[in-house]
Protein backbone atom coordinates (compact mmCIF):
# COMPACT_ATOMS: atom_id res chain seq x y z
CA MET A 1 55.57 140.17 105.68
CA LYS A 2 59.66 140.41 106.66
CA VAL A 3 61.61 138.56 104.67
CA LEU A 4 65.62 137.78 105.64
CA LEU A 5 68.10 137.40 103.05
CA PHE A 6 71.21 136.60 104.89
CA GLY A 7 74.45 134.91 103.70
CA PRO A 8 78.17 135.36 102.92
CA ALA A 9 79.15 138.36 100.50
CA GLY A 10 78.85 137.35 96.71
CA ALA A 11 76.21 134.66 97.27
CA GLY A 12 73.56 136.54 94.67
CA LYS A 13 71.74 137.79 97.11
CA THR A 14 70.64 141.28 95.88
CA SER A 15 71.04 139.73 92.46
CA LEU A 16 68.00 137.12 93.56
CA MET A 17 66.01 140.60 95.23
CA ARG A 18 65.91 142.68 92.07
CA THR A 19 65.21 140.00 89.13
CA THR A 20 62.26 138.41 91.70
CA CYS A 21 60.47 141.59 93.07
CA LEU A 22 61.69 143.98 89.93
CA GLY A 23 61.39 142.44 87.27
CA TYR A 24 65.07 143.06 86.29
CA ASN A 25 66.88 140.74 84.13
CA PHE A 26 70.05 139.18 84.52
CA MET A 27 72.36 141.22 82.83
CA LYS A 28 71.29 144.51 84.37
CA VAL A 29 72.39 143.00 87.93
CA LEU A 30 75.28 141.94 86.91
CA ASN A 31 77.72 144.43 87.88
CA LEU A 32 76.12 145.29 91.45
CA LYS A 33 78.19 146.24 94.31
CA PRO A 34 78.21 144.97 97.17
CA THR A 35 74.94 145.57 99.99
CA LYS A 36 76.65 147.71 102.70
CA GLY A 37 75.23 146.26 105.67
CA VAL A 38 71.22 146.12 105.48
CA SER A 39 69.29 146.82 103.24
CA ARG A 40 65.45 147.11 103.73
CA GLU A 41 62.69 147.65 100.61
CA ASN A 42 59.53 147.41 100.54
CA PHE A 43 57.42 145.20 97.50
CA ILE A 44 54.06 143.83 96.89
CA PHE A 45 54.30 140.57 96.06
CA ARG A 46 51.74 139.23 93.11
CA GLY A 47 49.62 142.96 94.13
CA ILE A 48 48.24 141.05 97.26
CA LEU A 49 51.21 140.39 99.54
CA GLU A 50 53.20 142.89 100.98
CA LEU A 51 56.98 142.31 101.57
CA SER A 52 59.51 143.92 103.73
CA LEU A 53 62.59 142.36 102.33
CA TRP A 54 66.20 142.41 104.42
CA ASP A 55 68.81 142.29 102.12
CA LEU A 56 71.74 142.04 104.22
CA GLY A 57 75.74 142.33 103.25
CA GLY A 58 77.65 139.78 103.90
CA GLN A 59 81.19 141.03 104.58
CA GLU A 60 82.88 140.12 107.69
CA ARG A 61 82.28 142.94 109.72
CA TYR A 62 78.50 142.83 108.96
CA ILE A 63 77.54 139.34 109.74
CA GLU A 64 79.78 139.65 112.85
CA ARG A 65 77.52 143.12 113.87
CA TYR A 66 74.09 141.24 112.92
CA PHE A 67 74.64 138.61 115.86
CA SER A 68 76.20 141.27 118.22
CA GLU A 69 74.00 141.47 121.28
CA SER A 70 72.63 144.58 120.24
CA GLN A 71 72.02 144.06 116.90
CA ARG A 72 70.51 140.58 116.97
CA GLU A 73 66.93 141.15 117.92
CA LEU A 74 66.72 143.81 115.22
CA ILE A 75 68.17 141.87 112.82
CA PHE A 76 66.35 138.18 113.17
CA SER A 77 63.20 138.86 115.04
CA GLU A 78 59.44 138.92 113.21
CA VAL A 79 60.79 137.20 110.61
CA THR A 80 58.16 135.71 108.38
CA THR A 81 61.02 133.90 105.45
CA ALA A 82 64.17 133.36 106.03
CA VAL A 83 66.70 132.25 103.22
CA PHE A 84 70.28 131.36 103.73
CA MET A 85 71.51 132.01 100.16
CA VAL A 86 75.35 130.74 99.24
CA ASP A 87 77.72 130.67 96.37
CA SER A 88 78.31 127.05 95.81
CA ALA A 89 81.36 127.60 93.37
CA VAL A 90 83.12 129.38 96.56
CA VAL A 91 83.02 126.62 99.15
CA GLU A 92 84.32 127.79 102.48
CA GLU A 93 84.23 125.78 105.78
CA SER A 94 83.72 129.02 107.79
CA VAL A 95 80.27 129.37 106.37
CA ARG A 96 79.05 126.70 108.29
CA GLU A 97 80.04 129.16 111.73
CA ILE A 98 77.36 131.43 109.82
CA PHE A 99 74.79 129.19 109.29
CA ASP A 100 74.57 127.95 112.47
CA ASN A 101 74.51 131.37 114.45
CA PHE A 102 72.00 132.02 111.71
CA LEU A 103 69.32 129.45 113.12
CA LYS A 104 70.51 129.68 116.48
CA TYR A 105 68.66 133.57 116.08
CA LEU A 106 66.45 132.69 113.57
CA PHE A 107 64.44 130.04 115.54
CA GLU A 108 65.48 131.92 118.89
CA PHE A 109 63.68 135.77 118.05
CA SER A 110 61.40 134.21 115.51
CA PRO A 111 59.98 131.14 117.37
CA LYS A 112 56.73 131.25 115.28
CA ILE A 113 58.51 129.87 111.42
CA ASP A 114 58.60 126.70 110.62
CA ARG A 115 61.33 126.52 107.79
CA ALA A 116 64.37 128.53 107.02
CA TYR A 117 65.21 127.64 102.81
CA VAL A 118 68.99 127.61 101.89
CA LEU A 119 69.71 128.35 98.10
CA LEU A 120 72.84 126.64 96.74
CA ASN A 121 73.30 129.49 94.35
CA LYS A 122 75.57 129.30 90.54
CA ILE A 123 75.12 125.96 90.01
CA ASP A 124 75.21 127.34 85.79
CA LEU A 125 78.87 127.70 86.66
CA HIS A 126 81.27 124.51 85.99
CA ASP A 127 83.36 125.06 89.02
CA SER A 128 79.76 124.58 91.22
CA ASN A 129 80.05 122.23 93.76
CA GLU A 130 76.44 122.21 95.78
CA ASP A 131 76.89 119.11 97.24
CA LYS A 132 79.82 119.40 98.44
CA TYR A 133 78.01 122.77 100.31
CA TYR A 134 74.96 120.76 101.13
CA GLU A 135 77.60 118.16 103.24
CA ILE A 136 79.31 121.13 104.59
CA LEU A 137 76.18 122.73 105.67
CA SER A 138 73.60 119.86 106.81
CA LYS A 139 76.07 117.59 108.24
CA GLY A 140 75.53 117.03 112.49
CA LEU A 141 72.94 119.39 112.03
CA ASN A 142 70.39 118.24 115.80
CA GLY A 143 66.81 117.11 114.89
CA ASN A 144 65.50 120.26 116.00
CA TYR A 145 66.71 122.14 113.04
CA LYS A 146 67.26 119.38 110.69
CA ASP A 147 63.38 118.93 110.13
CA LYS A 148 63.07 122.85 109.73
CA ILE A 149 65.59 123.24 106.71
CA SER A 150 65.08 122.88 103.28
CA PHE A 151 67.84 122.83 100.88
CA THR A 152 67.81 124.07 97.05
CA PRO A 153 70.24 123.81 94.34
CA VAL A 154 69.42 127.27 91.89
CA SER A 155 71.00 129.87 89.46
CA VAL A 156 69.70 133.50 89.57
CA LYS A 157 71.27 133.42 85.82
CA GLU A 158 68.94 130.38 85.17
CA GLY A 159 66.21 131.54 86.46
CA SER A 160 65.73 128.57 88.98
CA ALA A 161 66.44 130.95 92.03
CA GLN A 162 63.60 132.95 91.29
CA HIS A 163 61.33 130.38 90.65
CA ARG A 164 62.54 128.88 94.45
CA LEU A 165 61.66 132.26 95.70
CA ILE A 166 58.51 132.71 94.28
CA GLU A 167 57.18 129.25 94.95
CA ILE A 168 58.07 130.00 98.86
CA LEU A 169 56.75 133.23 98.82
CA ASP A 170 53.07 131.81 97.31
CA PHE A 171 53.39 129.29 100.23
CA GLU A 172 53.84 132.18 102.61
CA ILE A 173 50.34 133.91 100.48
CA GLN A 174 48.79 130.38 101.45
CA LYS A 175 49.11 130.90 104.91
CA ASN A 176 47.89 134.77 104.81
CA THR A 177 44.41 134.63 105.22
CA LEU A 178 44.11 138.18 104.43
CA SER A 179 46.11 137.87 101.28
CA MET A 180 43.34 134.82 100.31
CA GLN A 181 40.56 137.07 100.95
CA ARG A 182 41.84 139.97 98.90
CA LEU A 183 42.52 137.19 96.19
CA GLY A 184 39.14 135.82 96.22
CA LYS A 185 37.39 139.41 96.00
CA ILE A 186 39.41 140.23 92.84
CA ARG A 187 38.82 136.49 90.91
CA HIS A 188 35.20 137.30 91.91
CA LEU A 189 35.41 140.71 89.52
CA LEU A 190 37.36 139.08 87.01
CA ASP A 191 35.15 136.69 86.65
CA GLU A 192 31.92 139.08 86.21
CA LEU A 193 33.98 140.64 83.50
CA LYS A 194 34.64 137.24 81.57
CA ILE A 195 30.76 136.79 82.13
CA TYR A 196 29.72 140.22 80.57
CA THR A 197 31.77 140.15 78.13
CA LEU A 198 32.43 136.30 77.12
CA SER A 199 36.16 136.76 77.38
CA GLU A 200 39.35 135.61 79.25
CA TYR A 201 41.29 137.51 81.67
CA ILE A 202 44.75 137.78 83.09
CA LEU A 203 45.72 140.28 86.13
CA PHE A 204 49.16 140.89 86.14
CA ASN A 205 51.30 142.65 88.96
CA GLN A 206 53.58 145.51 87.11
CA PRO A 207 56.80 145.73 89.54
CA ASP A 208 57.67 142.12 89.12
CA GLY A 209 55.65 140.99 85.98
CA LEU A 210 53.84 137.85 87.91
CA ILE A 211 49.88 136.87 87.33
CA ILE A 212 47.73 137.95 90.38
CA ALA A 213 44.48 136.25 89.01
CA SER A 214 42.74 134.49 86.32
CA THR A 215 40.06 133.77 84.97
CA PHE A 216 41.62 129.87 83.83
CA GLY A 217 41.99 129.31 86.94
CA LYS A 218 45.31 127.46 88.34
CA PHE A 219 47.41 129.52 85.53
CA GLU A 220 51.17 130.24 85.48
CA SER A 221 53.68 131.78 82.97
CA LYS A 222 56.75 133.25 82.94
CA PRO A 223 57.06 136.78 84.63
CA LEU A 224 55.73 139.49 81.96
CA GLN A 225 58.02 142.07 80.70
CA PHE A 226 56.01 145.01 80.33
CA MET A 227 55.82 148.31 78.24
CA LYS A 228 56.02 151.47 79.14
CA PHE A 229 52.16 152.85 78.76
CA GLU A 230 53.65 156.00 76.71
CA ILE A 231 53.34 157.61 73.81
CA GLY A 232 56.94 158.08 73.47
CA THR A 233 58.57 160.23 70.59
CA LEU A 234 54.71 160.48 69.09
CA ASP A 235 53.84 162.64 71.94
CA SER A 236 53.88 166.22 71.43
CA ASN A 237 52.58 166.03 67.41
CA ILE A 238 49.45 164.10 68.61
CA TYR A 239 48.62 166.12 71.52
CA SER A 240 48.82 169.26 69.13
CA ILE A 241 46.63 167.87 66.96
CA TYR A 242 44.41 166.48 69.70
CA GLN A 243 44.39 170.24 70.90
CA GLN A 244 42.65 171.59 67.86
CA ILE A 245 40.59 169.02 66.98
CA MET A 246 39.02 169.72 71.00
CA GLU A 247 38.89 173.31 69.56
CA PHE A 248 37.03 172.40 66.80
CA GLN A 249 34.22 170.98 69.08
CA ASN A 250 34.22 174.36 71.63
CA VAL A 251 36.17 172.25 74.71
CA THR A 252 38.38 174.72 76.54
CA ASN A 253 39.65 171.69 79.61
CA LEU A 254 42.48 169.88 77.94
CA SER A 255 43.63 167.19 79.84
CA PRO A 256 47.05 165.72 78.87
CA LEU A 257 47.11 162.35 76.73
CA THR A 258 48.22 159.24 77.95
CA LEU A 259 48.54 155.92 76.60
CA SER A 260 46.71 153.67 79.16
CA THR A 261 45.07 150.81 76.21
CA VAL A 262 46.92 148.82 73.73
CA VAL A 263 45.47 146.52 71.34
CA TYR A 264 46.95 143.17 69.34
CA GLU A 265 45.12 141.70 66.76
CA SER A 266 45.62 138.05 65.58
CA GLU A 267 43.85 136.41 63.19
CA GLU A 268 41.80 134.52 65.86
CA CYS A 269 41.18 137.35 68.32
CA TRP A 270 41.92 140.65 70.25
CA ILE A 271 44.45 140.97 72.73
CA LEU A 272 43.98 144.21 75.15
CA VAL A 273 46.06 145.28 77.60
CA LYS A 274 45.04 147.84 79.77
CA GLU A 275 46.73 149.60 82.62
CA ILE A 276 44.26 149.76 85.71
CA ILE A 277 46.42 151.55 88.56
CA ASN A 278 49.99 151.97 88.94
CA GLY A 279 51.07 148.74 89.17
CA ALA A 280 48.61 146.46 88.03
CA VAL A 281 48.11 145.20 84.07
CA LEU A 282 45.06 143.47 82.87
CA MET A 283 45.09 141.59 79.86
CA ALA A 284 41.76 140.30 77.78
CA VAL A 285 41.83 138.23 75.36
CA THR A 286 38.41 137.89 73.26
CA ARG A 287 37.40 134.02 71.83
CA ASN A 288 36.50 135.72 68.55
CA LYS A 289 37.09 138.41 66.62
CA GLN A 290 33.37 139.64 66.24
CA PRO A 291 32.52 143.56 66.48
CA GLU A 292 29.90 142.75 69.35
CA VAL A 293 32.79 141.02 71.32
CA PHE A 294 34.59 143.69 71.11
CA SER A 295 32.75 145.94 71.98
CA SER A 296 31.50 144.41 74.79
CA VAL A 297 35.22 144.40 75.78
CA MET A 298 35.78 148.00 75.47
CA ASN A 299 32.45 148.81 77.35
CA ALA A 300 33.54 146.95 80.36
CA LEU A 301 37.19 148.32 80.84
CA THR A 302 35.30 151.61 81.16
CA GLY A 303 32.26 150.31 83.11
CA GLU A 304 31.10 149.32 86.91
CA ILE A 305 33.03 146.20 87.02
CA PHE A 306 36.24 147.71 85.86
CA GLU A 307 35.61 150.50 88.37
CA ASN A 308 35.50 148.50 91.32
CA LEU A 309 38.37 146.29 90.65
CA LYS A 310 39.93 149.93 90.15
CA ILE A 311 38.81 151.29 93.38
CA TYR A 312 39.50 147.57 95.31
CA LEU A 313 43.24 147.44 93.44
CA LYS A 314 43.46 151.10 95.23
CA SER A 315 42.70 150.15 98.66
CA SER A 316 44.40 146.74 98.98
CA GLU A 317 47.87 149.48 97.78
CA ILE A 318 48.66 147.51 94.81
């Protein structure tokens, strides 16, 4: 699925991409250098939808190149989702010409696309003027375009831009038959774990921290900020002790230790967080603290249903 991020320089396109698809916090993208030309990166969104995200540098010399006869078809063909982004604190009348060409070539070379999204970014700034920008970009649009464009005032800093992009991509998932089939299979496996252990499960996509599926049905949360699954400074001591214990037990083939499961405890329940593969993390929430419930979850996380989930996620290239 090809996602196009287009717009003038300084609009916040790269910041939006990295905070949404890589789970970066805003402070990490504060001082990004301008994108030079076309930056193409592949992501797995929510663990089920493969994105080829084209982040286009917005300097004037690059925009002229995108619209040139030699490049316009390459840039604007086979686009599934198109986002035009501007800095609402820097209102420029000249952006209208860029926007008109963007729409012209988008719908010419990707005729199957049914909507283009416009994000009026940086509304958190005191001097933002998203209403003025909306007027510039929407005034006089012909009927063919007017009904195909969605305008939204947003802020990457405050998170509304990421939320809007996630909404847009979720809509694409709903239209994608293969993604829906994958999601259905994953939900079925989680429901099997729930029945077997009487616990609830949430599956997260590690790069963006978004939920793939859960046994709660419709469940939304802010992207999860992940810990690194590593022992860290204790690693060498723990491993040396482990080696000694294995020697006492006459085990000669030792494998390195990794930290794949973390257990949290509250007064009401246990919460277990387990890395399934590099890119997917499963959270189990027990209904109580009975020993047999905890044991059932631990057994499930090493059992057949979990292995089937692991195999399926690998086959889905998560």
